[in-house]
């Protein structure tokens, strides 16, 4: 592996770590809004600012790069973003309607885990190896631990 590949891999790891850390912040904000009874008035504004902020961050990261994304990649990213916004919106709606947080977040997280795993296996014919299986088991166990509160 050349030095530039190692450097690129380190950058990829940093960006993935940033995505992992910030992934829960949007949901945390929804819980704060619901806890203060502000979801009905501010959920759409909150989600708009949150997602537009990350869209702008993505544009800044990719501006000036020597490559351009393909139309298919842009469409897939847009579909993923819309699904994410819808998931956050409906989770906020559930919280605003007094669904307990451990129930709402467990269902949304578990549903995502289930759909992604099922799509990988059925649509993309992915084989689940030992690490993938361990990841699925740990994901399910974490949802169970969070649900038993």
C-alpha atoms as a PDB file:
ATOM      1  CA  UNK A   1       0.000   0.000   0.000  1.00  0.00           C
ATOM      2  CA  UNK A   2       1.469   3.344  -1.006  1.00  0.00           C
ATOM      3  CA  UNK A   3       1.658   6.378   1.261  1.00  0.00           C
ATOM      4  CA  UNK A   4      -1.134   8.157  -0.638  1.00  0.00           C
ATOM      5  CA  UNK A   5      -3.474   5.159  -0.228  1.00  0.00           C
ATOM      6  CA  UNK A   6      -2.776   5.053   3.513  1.00  0.00           C
ATOM      7  CA  UNK A   7      -3.398   8.788   3.743  1.00  0.00           C
ATOM      8  CA  UNK A   8      -6.683   8.483   1.813  1.00  0.00           C
ATOM      9  CA  UNK A   9      -7.743   5.585   4.021  1.00  0.00           C
ATOM     10  CA  UNK A  10      -7.055   7.682   7.094  1.00  0.00           C
ATOM     11  CA  UNK A  11      -9.159  10.503   5.688  1.00  0.00           C
ATOM     12  CA  UNK A  12     -11.973   8.056   4.882  1.00  0.00           C
ATOM     13  CA  UNK A  13     -11.809   6.736   8.457  1.00  0.00           C
ATOM     14  CA  UNK A  14     -11.980  10.290   9.858  1.00  0.00           C
ATOM     15  CA  UNK A  15     -15.051  11.109   7.769  1.00  0.00           C
ATOM     16  CA  UNK A  16     -16.756   7.839   8.720  1.00  0.00           C
ATOM     17  CA  UNK A  17     -16.008   8.522  12.394  1.00  0.00           C
ATOM     18  CA  UNK A  18     -17.514  11.999  12.015  1.00  0.00           C
ATOM     19  CA  UNK A  19     -20.626  10.466  10.408  1.00  0.00           C
ATOM     20  CA  UNK A  20     -20.897   7.901  13.201  1.00  0.00           C
ATOM     21  CA  UNK A  21     -20.568  10.500  15.956  1.00  0.00           C
ATOM     22  CA  UNK A  22     -22.978  12.991  14.400  1.00  0.00           C
ATOM     23  CA  UNK A  23     -25.527  10.371  13.347  1.00  0.00           C
ATOM     24  CA  UNK A  24     -27.212  10.392  16.742  1.00  0.00           C
ATOM     25  CA  UNK A  25     -27.166  14.146  17.206  1.00  0.00           C
ATOM     26  CA  UNK A  26     -30.183  14.727  14.984  1.00  0.00           C
ATOM     27  CA  UNK A  27     -32.259  12.256  16.977  1.00  0.00           C
ATOM     28  CA  UNK A  28     -30.974  13.734  20.229  1.00  0.00           C
ATOM     29  CA  UNK A  29     -32.232  17.152  19.127  1.00  0.00           C
ATOM     30  CA  UNK A  30     -35.654  15.667  18.375  1.00  0.00           C
ATOM     31  CA  UNK A  31     -35.783  14.221  21.893  1.00  0.00           C
ATOM     32  CA  UNK A  32     -34.915  17.633  23.345  1.00  0.00           C
ATOM     33  CA  UNK A  33     -37.657  19.293  21.275  1.00  0.00           C
ATOM     34  CA  UNK A  34     -40.187  16.662  22.353  1.00  0.00           C
ATOM     35  CA  UNK A  35     -39.147  16.909  25.984  1.00  0.00           C
ATOM     36  CA  UNK A  36     -39.831  20.646  25.942  1.00  0.00           C
ATOM     37  CA  UNK A  37     -43.073  20.301  23.992  1.00  0.00           C
ATOM     38  CA  UNK A  38     -41.697  22.148  20.966  1.00  0.00           C
ATOM     39  CA  UNK A  39     -41.910  19.422  18.324  1.00  0.00           C
ATOM     40  CA  UNK A  40     -45.186  20.634  16.798  1.00  0.00           C
ATOM     41  CA  UNK A  41     -43.797  24.136  16.270  1.00  0.00           C
ATOM     42  CA  UNK A  42     -40.123  23.624  15.478  1.00  0.00           C
ATOM     43  CA  UNK A  43     -39.542  20.110  14.119  1.00  0.00           C
ATOM     44  CA  UNK A  44     -39.589  21.107  10.446  1.00  0.00           C
ATOM     45  CA  UNK A  45     -37.285  24.076  11.021  1.00  0.00           C
ATOM     46  CA  UNK A  46     -34.932  21.925  13.084  1.00  0.00           C
ATOM     47  CA  UNK A  47     -34.733  19.214  10.430  1.00  0.00           C
ATOM     48  CA  UNK A  48     -34.337  21.782   7.639  1.00  0.00           C
ATOM     49  CA  UNK A  49     -31.387  23.469   9.359  1.00  0.00           C
ATOM     50  CA  UNK A  50     -29.835  20.125  10.351  1.00  0.00           C
ATOM     51  CA  UNK A  51     -29.989  18.569   6.887  1.00  0.00           C
ATOM     52  CA  UNK A  52     -29.153  21.737   4.935  1.00  0.00           C
ATOM     53  CA  UNK A  53     -26.155  22.263   7.202  1.00  0.00           C
ATOM     54  CA  UNK A  54     -24.817  18.805   6.398  1.00  0.00           C
ATOM     55  CA  UNK A  55     -25.592  19.258   2.720  1.00  0.00           C
ATOM     56  CA  UNK A  56     -23.522  22.449   2.705  1.00  0.00           C
ATOM     57  CA  UNK A  57     -20.738  20.638   4.568  1.00  0.00           C
ATOM     58  CA  UNK A  58     -20.769  17.947   1.873  1.00  0.00           C
ATOM     59  CA  UNK A  59     -20.632  20.535  -0.895  1.00  0.00           C
ATOM     60  CA  UNK A  60     -17.673  22.267   0.761  1.00  0.00           C
ATOM     61  CA  UNK A  61     -15.838  18.940   1.155  1.00  0.00           C
ATOM     62  CA  UNK A  62     -16.329  18.033  -2.512  1.00  0.00           C
ATOM     63  CA  UNK A  63     -15.810  21.464  -4.099  1.00  0.00           C
ATOM     64  CA  UNK A  64     -12.497  21.697  -5.852  1.00  0.00           C
ATOM     65  CA  UNK A  65     -12.039  17.943  -6.015  1.00  0.00           C
ATOM     66  CA  UNK A  66     -10.820  16.567  -9.348  1.00  0.00           C
ATOM     67  CA  UNK A  67     -13.804  14.264  -9.761  1.00  0.00           C
ATOM     68  CA  UNK A  68     -17.482  14.882 -10.286  1.00  0.00           C
ATOM     69  CA  UNK A  69     -20.191  12.598  -8.946  1.00  0.00           C
ATOM     70  CA  UNK A  70     -22.277  10.742 -11.487  1.00  0.00           C
ATOM     71  CA  UNK A  71     -25.999  11.410 -11.798  1.00  0.00           C
ATOM     72  CA  UNK A  72     -26.759   7.964 -10.377  1.00  0.00           C
ATOM     73  CA  UNK A  73     -24.655   8.716  -7.280  1.00  0.00           C
ATOM     74  CA  UNK A  74     -26.426  12.029  -6.758  1.00  0.00           C
ATOM     75  CA  UNK A  75     -29.838  10.352  -7.094  1.00  0.00           C
ATOM     76  CA  UNK A  76     -28.900   7.611  -4.629  1.00  0.00           C
ATOM     77  CA  UNK A  77     -27.599  10.184  -2.142  1.00  0.00           C
ATOM     78  CA  UNK A  78     -30.761  12.272  -2.536  1.00  0.00           C
ATOM     79  CA  UNK A  79     -32.960   9.211  -1.975  1.00  0.00           C
ATOM     80  CA  UNK A  80     -30.963   8.281   1.117  1.00  0.00           C
ATOM     81  CA  UNK A  81     -31.274  11.832   2.419  1.00  0.00           C
ATOM     82  CA  UNK A  82     -35.027  11.880   1.843  1.00  0.00           C
ATOM     83  CA  UNK A  83     -35.417   8.546   3.632  1.00  0.00           C
ATOM     84  CA  UNK A  84     -33.359   9.877   6.523  1.00  0.00           C
ATOM     85  CA  UNK A  85     -35.419  13.073   6.759  1.00  0.00           C
ATOM     86  CA  UNK A  86     -38.638  11.039   6.650  1.00  0.00           C
ATOM     87  CA  UNK A  87     -37.369   8.725   9.371  1.00  0.00           C
ATOM     88  CA  UNK A  88     -36.376  11.642  11.589  1.00  0.00           C
ATOM     89  CA  UNK A  89     -39.664  13.416  10.905  1.00  0.00           C
ATOM     90  CA  UNK A  90     -41.800  10.423  11.840  1.00  0.00           C
ATOM     91  CA  UNK A  91     -39.668   9.700  14.903  1.00  0.00           C
ATOM     92  CA  UNK A  92     -40.256  13.301  15.986  1.00  0.00           C
ATOM     93  CA  UNK A  93     -43.965  12.878  15.320  1.00  0.00           C
ATOM     94  CA  UNK A  94     -44.040   9.771  17.515  1.00  0.00           C
ATOM     95  CA  UNK A  95     -42.215  11.617  20.297  1.00  0.00           C
ATOM     96  CA  UNK A  96     -44.624  14.549  20.005  1.00  0.00           C
ATOM     97  CA  UNK A  97     -47.527  12.112  20.439  1.00  0.00           C
ATOM     98  CA  UNK A  98     -46.047  10.873  23.742  1.00  0.00           C
ATOM     99  CA  UNK A  99     -44.529   7.631  22.483  1.00  0.00           C
ATOM    100  CA  UNK A 100     -41.727   6.812  24.930  1.00  0.00           C
ATOM    101  CA  UNK A 101     -38.280   7.623  23.614  1.00  0.00           C
ATOM    102  CA  UNK A 102     -36.923   4.128  24.223  1.00  0.00           C
ATOM    103  CA  UNK A 103     -39.789   2.740  22.124  1.00  0.00           C
ATOM    104  CA  UNK A 104     -39.567   5.276  19.270  1.00  0.00           C
ATOM    105  CA  UNK A 105     -35.787   5.092  18.938  1.00  0.00           C
ATOM    106  CA  UNK A 106     -35.678   1.312  19.278  1.00  0.00           C
ATOM    107  CA  UNK A 107     -38.221   0.869  16.509  1.00  0.00           C
ATOM    108  CA  UNK A 108     -36.537   3.380  14.190  1.00  0.00           C
ATOM    109  CA  UNK A 109     -33.050   1.983  14.827  1.00  0.00           C
ATOM    110  CA  UNK A 110     -34.173  -1.642  14.700  1.00  0.00           C
ATOM    111  CA  UNK A 111     -36.182  -1.002  11.560  1.00  0.00           C
ATOM    112  CA  UNK A 112     -33.185   0.556   9.848  1.00  0.00           C
ATOM    113  CA  UNK A 113     -30.930  -2.311  10.864  1.00  0.00           C
ATOM    114  CA  UNK A 114     -33.472  -4.852   9.644  1.00  0.00           C
ATOM    115  CA  UNK A 115     -34.138  -3.143   6.291  1.00  0.00           C
ATOM    116  CA  UNK A 116     -30.447  -2.584   5.504  1.00  0.00           C
ATOM    117  CA  UNK A 117     -29.524  -6.177   6.384  1.00  0.00           C
ATOM    118  CA  UNK A 118     -32.476  -7.588   4.454  1.00  0.00           C
ATOM    119  CA  UNK A 119     -31.749  -5.428   1.390  1.00  0.00           C
ATOM    120  CA  UNK A 120     -28.099  -6.459   1.427  1.00  0.00           C
ATOM    121  CA  UNK A 121     -28.961 -10.131   1.585  1.00  0.00           C
ATOM    122  CA  UNK A 122     -31.968 -10.234  -0.752  1.00  0.00           C
ATOM    123  CA  UNK A 123     -31.321  -7.458  -3.274  1.00  0.00           C
ATOM    124  CA  UNK A 124     -27.538  -7.438  -3.471  1.00  0.00           C
ATOM    125  CA  UNK A 125     -26.955 -11.131  -2.698  1.00  0.00           C
ATOM    126  CA  UNK A 126     -24.401 -10.271  -0.005  1.00  0.00           C
ATOM    127  CA  UNK A 127     -23.001 -13.103   2.040  1.00  0.00           C
ATOM    128  CA  UNK A 128     -22.981 -12.393   5.765  1.00  0.00           C
ATOM    129  CA  UNK A 129     -19.585 -13.442   7.092  1.00  0.00           C
ATOM    130  CA  UNK A 130     -18.539 -13.749  10.711  1.00  0.00           C
ATOM    131  CA  UNK A 131     -17.850 -10.013  11.119  1.00  0.00           C
ATOM    132  CA  UNK A 132     -21.173  -9.076   9.517  1.00  0.00           C
ATOM    133  CA  UNK A 133     -22.998 -11.545  11.714  1.00  0.00           C
ATOM    134  CA  UNK A 134     -21.208 -10.196  14.785  1.00  0.00           C
ATOM    135  CA  UNK A 135     -22.219  -6.669  13.763  1.00  0.00           C
ATOM    136  CA  UNK A 136     -25.854  -7.677  13.352  1.00  0.00           C
ATOM    137  CA  UNK A 137     -25.886  -9.469  16.701  1.00  0.00           C
ATOM    138  CA  UNK A 138     -24.253  -6.511  18.467  1.00  0.00           C
ATOM    139  CA  UNK A 139     -26.713  -4.134  16.806  1.00  0.00           C
ATOM    140  CA  UNK A 140     -29.680  -6.204  17.942  1.00  0.00           C
ATOM    141  CA  UNK A 141     -28.261  -6.564  21.450  1.00  0.00           C
ATOM    142  CA  UNK A 142     -27.708  -2.808  21.720  1.00  0.00           C
ATOM    143  CA  UNK A 143     -31.318  -2.165  20.712  1.00  0.00           C
ATOM    144  CA  UNK A 144     -32.493  -4.661  23.325  1.00  0.00           C
ATOM    145  CA  UNK A 145     -30.323  -3.059  26.020  1.00  0.00           C
ATOM    146  CA  UNK A 146     -31.667   0.399  25.141  1.00  0.00           C
ATOM    147  CA  UNK A 147     -35.254  -0.874  25.110  1.00  0.00           C
ATOM    148  CA  UNK A 148     -35.048  -2.407  28.571  1.00  0.00           C
ATOM    149  CA  UNK A 149     -35.002   0.849  30.495  1.00  0.00           C
END
